[in-house]
Protein backbone atom coordinates (compact mmCIF):
# COMPACT_ATOMS: atom_id res chain seq x y z
CA UNK A 1 43.42 -59.11 38.05
CA UNK A 2 41.82 -55.84 36.97
CA UNK A 3 38.14 -55.43 36.13
CA UNK A 4 39.09 -54.87 32.47
CA UNK A 5 41.08 -58.11 32.39
CA UNK A 6 38.16 -60.01 33.89
CA UNK A 7 35.81 -58.62 31.25
CA UNK A 8 38.20 -59.62 28.47
CA UNK A 9 38.46 -63.12 29.92
CA UNK A 10 34.67 -63.52 29.93
CA UNK A 11 34.43 -62.28 26.35
CA UNK A 12 37.11 -64.73 25.24
CA UNK A 13 35.22 -67.61 26.81
CA UNK A 14 32.03 -66.56 25.04
CA UNK A 15 33.90 -66.38 21.73
CA UNK A 16 35.32 -69.88 22.24
CA UNK A 17 31.86 -71.29 22.99
CA UNK A 18 30.40 -69.54 19.93
CA UNK A 19 33.19 -70.91 17.73
CA UNK A 20 32.55 -74.44 18.98
CA UNK A 21 28.79 -74.50 18.42
CA UNK A 22 27.33 -75.42 15.05
CA UNK A 23 24.46 -73.70 13.29
CA UNK A 24 23.65 -75.60 10.12
CA UNK A 25 20.80 -75.71 7.62
CA UNK A 26 19.88 -78.51 5.24
CA UNK A 27 17.24 -77.47 2.70
CA UNK A 28 15.99 -79.97 0.14
CA UNK A 29 13.50 -79.16 -2.62
CA UNK A 30 12.07 -82.07 -4.60
CA UNK A 31 10.10 -81.91 -7.86
CA UNK A 32 8.35 -84.42 -10.11
CA UNK A 33 9.46 -84.79 -13.70
CA UNK A 34 6.29 -84.52 -15.78
CA UNK A 35 7.90 -86.44 -18.66
CA UNK A 36 8.76 -89.70 -16.86
CA UNK A 37 7.00 -89.29 -13.50
CA UNK A 38 10.22 -89.64 -11.50
CA UNK A 39 10.99 -87.39 -8.54
CA UNK A 40 14.35 -85.62 -8.42
CA UNK A 41 16.24 -83.32 -6.06
CA UNK A 42 15.68 -79.97 -7.78
CA UNK A 43 17.61 -77.75 -5.39
CA UNK A 44 19.48 -78.02 -2.11
CA UNK A 45 21.35 -75.93 0.42
CA UNK A 46 23.74 -77.96 2.55
CA UNK A 47 25.74 -76.47 5.41
CA UNK A 48 28.34 -78.65 7.19
CA UNK A 49 28.08 -81.06 8.88
CA UNK A 50 24.68 -81.79 7.27
CA UNK A 51 24.92 -83.56 3.94
CA UNK A 52 22.93 -85.39 1.26
CA UNK A 53 25.23 -86.92 -1.33
CA UNK A 54 22.54 -87.52 -3.96
CA UNK A 55 18.96 -88.68 -4.44
CA UNK A 56 18.57 -92.18 -5.87
CA UNK A 57 15.63 -93.12 -8.06
CA UNK A 58 13.82 -96.26 -6.89
CA UNK A 59 11.81 -98.70 -8.98
CA UNK A 60 8.58 -96.73 -8.65
CA UNK A 61 10.14 -93.32 -9.38
CA UNK A 62 10.52 -92.26 -5.75
CA UNK A 63 13.56 -90.17 -4.82
CA UNK A 64 15.52 -91.83 -1.98
CA UNK A 65 17.88 -89.59 0.00
CA UNK A 66 20.13 -90.42 2.96
CA UNK A 67 20.60 -87.76 5.63
CA UNK A 68 24.20 -87.57 6.87
CA UNK A 69 25.73 -85.76 9.83
CA UNK A 70 29.45 -85.76 9.04
CA UNK A 71 30.39 -84.87 12.63
CA UNK A 72 29.06 -88.24 13.80
CA UNK A 73 26.53 -86.83 16.23
CA UNK A 74 24.97 -83.79 17.87
CA UNK A 75 26.82 -81.71 20.47
CA UNK A 76 25.59 -79.29 23.11
CA UNK A 77 25.05 -75.84 21.65
CA UNK A 78 24.45 -77.16 18.13
CA UNK A 79 21.41 -75.82 16.29
CA UNK A 80 20.48 -77.88 13.23
CA UNK A 81 17.61 -77.20 10.86
CA UNK A 82 15.98 -79.32 8.17
CA UNK A 83 13.75 -77.63 5.60
CA UNK A 84 12.04 -80.05 3.26
CA UNK A 85 9.77 -79.06 0.38
CA UNK A 86 7.99 -81.55 -1.86
CA UNK A 87 6.48 -80.20 -5.06
CA UNK A 88 3.18 -81.32 -6.54
CA UNK A 89 3.09 -85.09 -7.08
CA UNK A 90 6.63 -85.66 -5.78
CA UNK A 91 7.41 -88.92 -3.99
CA UNK A 92 10.29 -88.84 -1.51
CA UNK A 93 11.77 -91.35 0.88
CA UNK A 94 14.21 -90.12 3.53
CA UNK A 95 16.29 -92.19 5.89
CA UNK A 96 19.41 -91.71 8.01
CA UNK A 97 22.78 -93.31 7.37
CA UNK A 98 22.82 -94.61 10.96
CA UNK A 99 21.39 -93.92 14.40
CA UNK A 100 21.34 -90.27 15.53
CA UNK A 101 23.68 -89.84 18.51
CA UNK A 102 23.17 -86.98 20.95
CA UNK A 103 26.36 -86.49 22.92
CA UNK A 104 26.80 -85.40 26.53
CA UNK A 105 25.85 -81.79 27.18
CA UNK A 106 28.78 -79.34 27.32
CA UNK A 107 28.90 -77.03 30.31
CA UNK A 108 28.13 -73.44 29.37
CA UNK A 109 26.34 -74.36 26.14
CA UNK A 110 22.64 -74.37 25.35
CA UNK A 111 20.87 -77.71 24.71
CA UNK A 112 21.22 -79.35 21.31
CA UNK A 113 18.31 -78.27 19.10
CA UNK A 114 16.86 -79.72 15.90
CA UNK A 115 14.16 -77.84 13.96
CA UNK A 116 12.27 -79.53 11.11
CA UNK A 117 10.08 -77.56 8.69
CA UNK A 118 8.25 -79.86 6.25
CA UNK A 119 5.91 -78.89 3.39
CA UNK A 120 4.23 -81.59 1.27
CA UNK A 121 2.37 -80.19 -1.75
CA UNK A 122 -0.72 -81.53 -3.56
CA UNK A 123 -0.69 -85.29 -4.20
CA UNK A 124 2.91 -85.62 -3.00
CA UNK A 125 4.10 -88.36 -0.64
CA UNK A 126 6.81 -88.21 2.04
CA UNK A 127 8.17 -91.34 3.73
CA UNK A 128 10.51 -90.48 6.63
CA UNK A 129 12.07 -93.70 7.95
CA UNK A 130 15.08 -92.94 10.18
CA UNK A 131 17.09 -95.13 12.52
CA UNK A 132 16.74 -94.64 16.26
CA UNK A 133 17.80 -91.55 18.22
CA UNK A 134 20.23 -92.39 21.05
CA UNK A 135 20.73 -89.77 23.78
CA UNK A 136 24.05 -90.34 25.59
CA UNK A 137 24.50 -89.84 29.32
CA UNK A 138 24.15 -86.16 30.22
CA UNK A 139 22.55 -85.19 26.87
CA UNK A 140 20.08 -82.32 26.58
CA UNK A 141 17.98 -82.27 23.41
CA UNK A 142 15.13 -80.16 22.04
CA UNK A 143 13.35 -80.95 18.77
CA UNK A 144 10.59 -79.05 17.00
CA UNK A 145 8.81 -80.45 13.92
CA UNK A 146 6.16 -78.67 11.87
CA UNK A 147 4.58 -80.58 8.96
CA UNK A 148 2.19 -78.97 6.46
CA UNK A 149 0.14 -81.25 4.19
CA UNK A 150 -1.74 -79.99 1.12
CA UNK A 151 -4.73 -81.61 -0.63
CA UNK A 152 -4.06 -85.24 -1.50
CA UNK A 153 -0.68 -85.21 0.28
CA UNK A 154 0.54 -88.35 2.05
CA UNK A 155 2.84 -88.92 5.01
CA UNK A 156 4.58 -91.89 6.61
CA UNK A 157 6.71 -90.48 9.44
CA UNK A 158 8.21 -92.53 12.25
CA UNK A 159 10.66 -91.79 15.06
CA UNK A 160 12.30 -94.18 17.53
CA UNK A 161 13.77 -93.15 20.88
CA UNK A 162 16.32 -95.42 22.59
CA UNK A 163 16.99 -95.23 26.36
CA UNK A 164 20.71 -94.59 25.80
CA UNK A 165 23.82 -96.68 25.16
CA UNK A 166 22.62 -99.91 26.73
CA UNK A 167 25.91 -101.74 26.13
CA UNK A 168 27.62 -99.18 28.38
CA UNK A 169 24.92 -99.38 31.01
CA UNK A 170 23.55 -95.93 30.16
CA UNK A 171 19.83 -96.44 30.71
CA UNK A 172 17.92 -93.15 30.99
CA UNK A 173 21.13 -91.35 31.91
CA UNK A 174 20.39 -88.34 29.70
CA UNK A 175 19.28 -85.07 31.32
CA UNK A 176 16.51 -83.92 28.99
CA UNK A 177 14.76 -85.12 25.84
CA UNK A 178 11.99 -82.88 24.53
CA UNK A 179 10.07 -83.24 21.26
CA UNK A 180 7.27 -81.01 19.94
CA UNK A 181 5.46 -82.13 16.79
CA UNK A 182 2.71 -80.36 14.88
CA UNK A 183 0.99 -81.79 11.80
CA UNK A 184 -1.48 -79.73 9.77
CA UNK A 185 -3.59 -80.64 6.74
CA UNK A 186 -5.29 -78.04 4.54
CA UNK A 187 -4.33 -75.45 7.14
CA UNK A 188 -6.02 -77.34 10.00
CA UNK A 189 -4.08 -78.80 12.92
CA UNK A 190 -4.59 -82.57 13.00
CA UNK A 191 -1.88 -83.58 15.48
CA UNK A 192 -0.06 -81.86 18.33
CA UNK A 193 2.36 -83.80 20.48
CA UNK A 194 4.65 -82.75 23.32
CA UNK A 195 7.09 -85.22 24.86
CA UNK A 196 9.39 -84.17 27.68
CA UNK A 197 11.48 -86.70 29.58
CA UNK A 198 13.83 -85.67 32.40
CA UNK A 199 15.06 -88.89 34.03
CA UNK A 200 16.99 -87.09 36.78
CA UNK A 201 13.86 -85.47 38.21
CA UNK A 202 11.07 -87.77 36.93
CA UNK A 203 10.31 -91.42 37.53
CA UNK A 204 10.50 -92.72 33.96
CA UNK A 205 9.29 -96.13 35.15
CA UNK A 206 6.00 -94.73 36.46
CA UNK A 207 2.80 -95.93 34.79
CA UNK A 208 2.15 -92.36 33.64
CA UNK A 209 5.34 -92.47 31.57
CA UNK A 210 7.07 -95.59 30.22
CA UNK A 211 6.45 -98.15 32.95
CA UNK A 212 8.80 -101.12 32.50
CA UNK A 213 9.51 -100.28 28.87
CA UNK A 214 12.61 -98.59 27.45
CA UNK A 215 12.01 -97.83 23.77
CA UNK A 216 9.39 -95.45 22.38
CA UNK A 217 8.22 -95.20 18.77
CA UNK A 218 5.66 -92.94 17.11
CA UNK A 219 4.39 -93.41 13.55
CA UNK A 220 2.15 -90.91 11.73
CA UNK A 221 0.22 -92.24 8.73
CA UNK A 222 -1.68 -89.63 6.70
CA UNK A 223 -3.34 -89.13 3.34
CA UNK A 224 -5.31 -85.92 3.00
CA UNK A 225 -8.80 -86.22 1.54
CA UNK A 226 -9.96 -89.65 2.76
CA UNK A 227 -13.21 -89.46 4.69
CA UNK A 228 -13.68 -90.40 8.34
CA UNK A 229 -15.32 -93.73 7.51
CA UNK A 230 -12.34 -94.83 5.44
CA UNK A 231 -10.00 -93.97 8.31
CA UNK A 232 -12.11 -95.97 10.77
CA UNK A 233 -11.73 -98.96 8.46
CA UNK A 234 -7.98 -98.37 8.28
CA UNK A 235 -7.78 -98.09 12.07
CA UNK A 236 -9.59 -101.40 12.54
CA UNK A 237 -7.34 -103.04 9.96
CA UNK A 238 -4.15 -101.83 11.64
CA UNK A 239 -5.47 -102.65 15.09
CA UNK A 240 -5.64 -106.30 14.09
CA UNK A 241 -2.02 -106.12 12.95
CA UNK A 242 -0.75 -104.25 16.01
CA UNK A 243 -2.58 -106.68 18.30
CA UNK A 244 -0.76 -109.57 16.63
CA UNK A 245 2.57 -107.76 17.19
CA UNK A 246 1.90 -107.08 20.88
CA UNK A 247 3.41 -109.23 23.64
CA UNK A 248 2.52 -107.74 26.99
CA UNK A 249 5.55 -107.18 29.16
CA UNK A 250 7.83 -107.11 26.11
CA UNK A 251 6.29 -104.86 23.46
CA UNK A 252 3.03 -102.91 23.23
CA UNK A 253 1.47 -101.50 20.06
CA UNK A 254 -1.56 -99.24 19.72
CA UNK A 255 -3.29 -97.30 16.95
CA UNK A 256 -5.81 -94.46 16.96
CA UNK A 257 -7.32 -92.02 14.48
CA UNK A 258 -6.29 -88.38 14.30
CA UNK A 259 -9.02 -85.74 14.16
CA UNK A 260 -8.89 -86.06 10.37
CA UNK A 261 -6.78 -87.38 7.49
CA UNK A 262 -4.73 -89.95 9.36
CA UNK A 263 -3.71 -92.30 12.12
CA UNK A 264 -1.00 -92.45 14.75
CA UNK A 265 0.66 -95.69 15.88
CA UNK A 266 2.48 -95.94 19.23
CA UNK A 267 4.95 -98.50 20.50
CA UNK A 268 6.59 -99.21 23.86
CA UNK A 269 9.21 -101.95 23.99
CA UNK A 270 11.67 -103.53 26.40
CA UNK A 271 14.30 -103.97 23.67
CA UNK A 272 14.89 -102.75 20.13
CA UNK A 273 14.78 -106.07 18.28
CA UNK A 274 11.11 -105.96 17.34
CA UNK A 275 10.50 -102.22 17.04
CA UNK A 276 11.86 -101.59 13.54
CA UNK A 277 10.46 -104.83 12.02
CA UNK A 278 7.07 -103.92 13.51
CA UNK A 279 7.16 -100.41 12.04
CA UNK A 280 8.09 -101.82 8.64
CA UNK A 281 5.22 -104.34 8.77
CA UNK A 282 2.74 -101.58 9.65
CA UNK A 283 4.12 -99.29 6.94
CA UNK A 284 3.89 -102.03 4.33
CA UNK A 285 0.30 -102.88 5.25
CA UNK A 286 -0.78 -99.23 5.34
CA UNK A 287 0.84 -98.38 2.03
CA UNK A 288 -0.86 -101.30 0.29
CA UNK A 289 -4.18 -100.19 1.73
CA UNK A 290 -3.80 -96.44 1.06
CA UNK A 291 -1.85 -96.47 -2.21
CA UNK A 292 -2.23 -100.02 -3.58
CA UNK A 293 1.56 -100.13 -3.88
CA UNK A 294 4.34 -101.98 -2.13
CA UNK A 295 6.46 -100.23 0.47
CA UNK A 296 10.13 -100.62 -0.46
CA UNK A 297 12.49 -100.39 2.54
CA UNK A 298 15.31 -97.90 1.88
CA UNK A 299 18.68 -99.21 0.78
CA UNK A 300 21.33 -98.08 3.24
CA UNK A 301 24.61 -96.44 2.23
CA UNK A 302 27.69 -95.52 4.24
């Protein structure tokens, strides 16, 4: 084979890889109707396979949207981006249609990446309540989330990480799972989190990581403008609840204050049965306390 033929072969392979990787953007802009107080999806940009069919209006005027990935999961080399903008006073609830599946890494491709850019304007409220993320055996995943909160803005944002497909015996069989989260309020950083798990070269069961637990959940609860004393009261209130939900050896819950404007709740669990019900109970209690309103779990659609 000549040098020219070899070069052409390499170029063809690169073209095939490029054609088989997805770069997709989902941008959602929500506004509040000043006439009736309801929030609506004012504008969107949806690139396949990312899709939002419509935004439903709930009993309290919140806009409920379901995030769909029509390909069924995330593949190696895919780069997906979510841009979410809430206008002044908007109230938005986002959930996923099902668990997020991260498939086995494809040789020659970069890791799967997900970038989230979130802006919540004055007196708006975002509730992000997805199902769990499930990394399959051999998966490589990178996620970056940047959340900007304006004056009076509120945030309920949880994420759940599963150990893999337990029914197939895939427990911590993924190669890499990395998440970077930044939350700012009034231009000030109030939370910065870096999670990087590499089961092949790290002892996930060490006490410095997950110990004997398999599931991880993180829940940010924010409302910009409340003073430090009010957040200490909220922390004590939620600590009583999380203590009642804790069963050492099976599921652990903890809560702590951020530097300002919010709390973070952590969970480690042996199985998934009690994680989501626990998050919902905490969300419901916090929303009653912070907003004097009931938290309405999102209705699922297929």
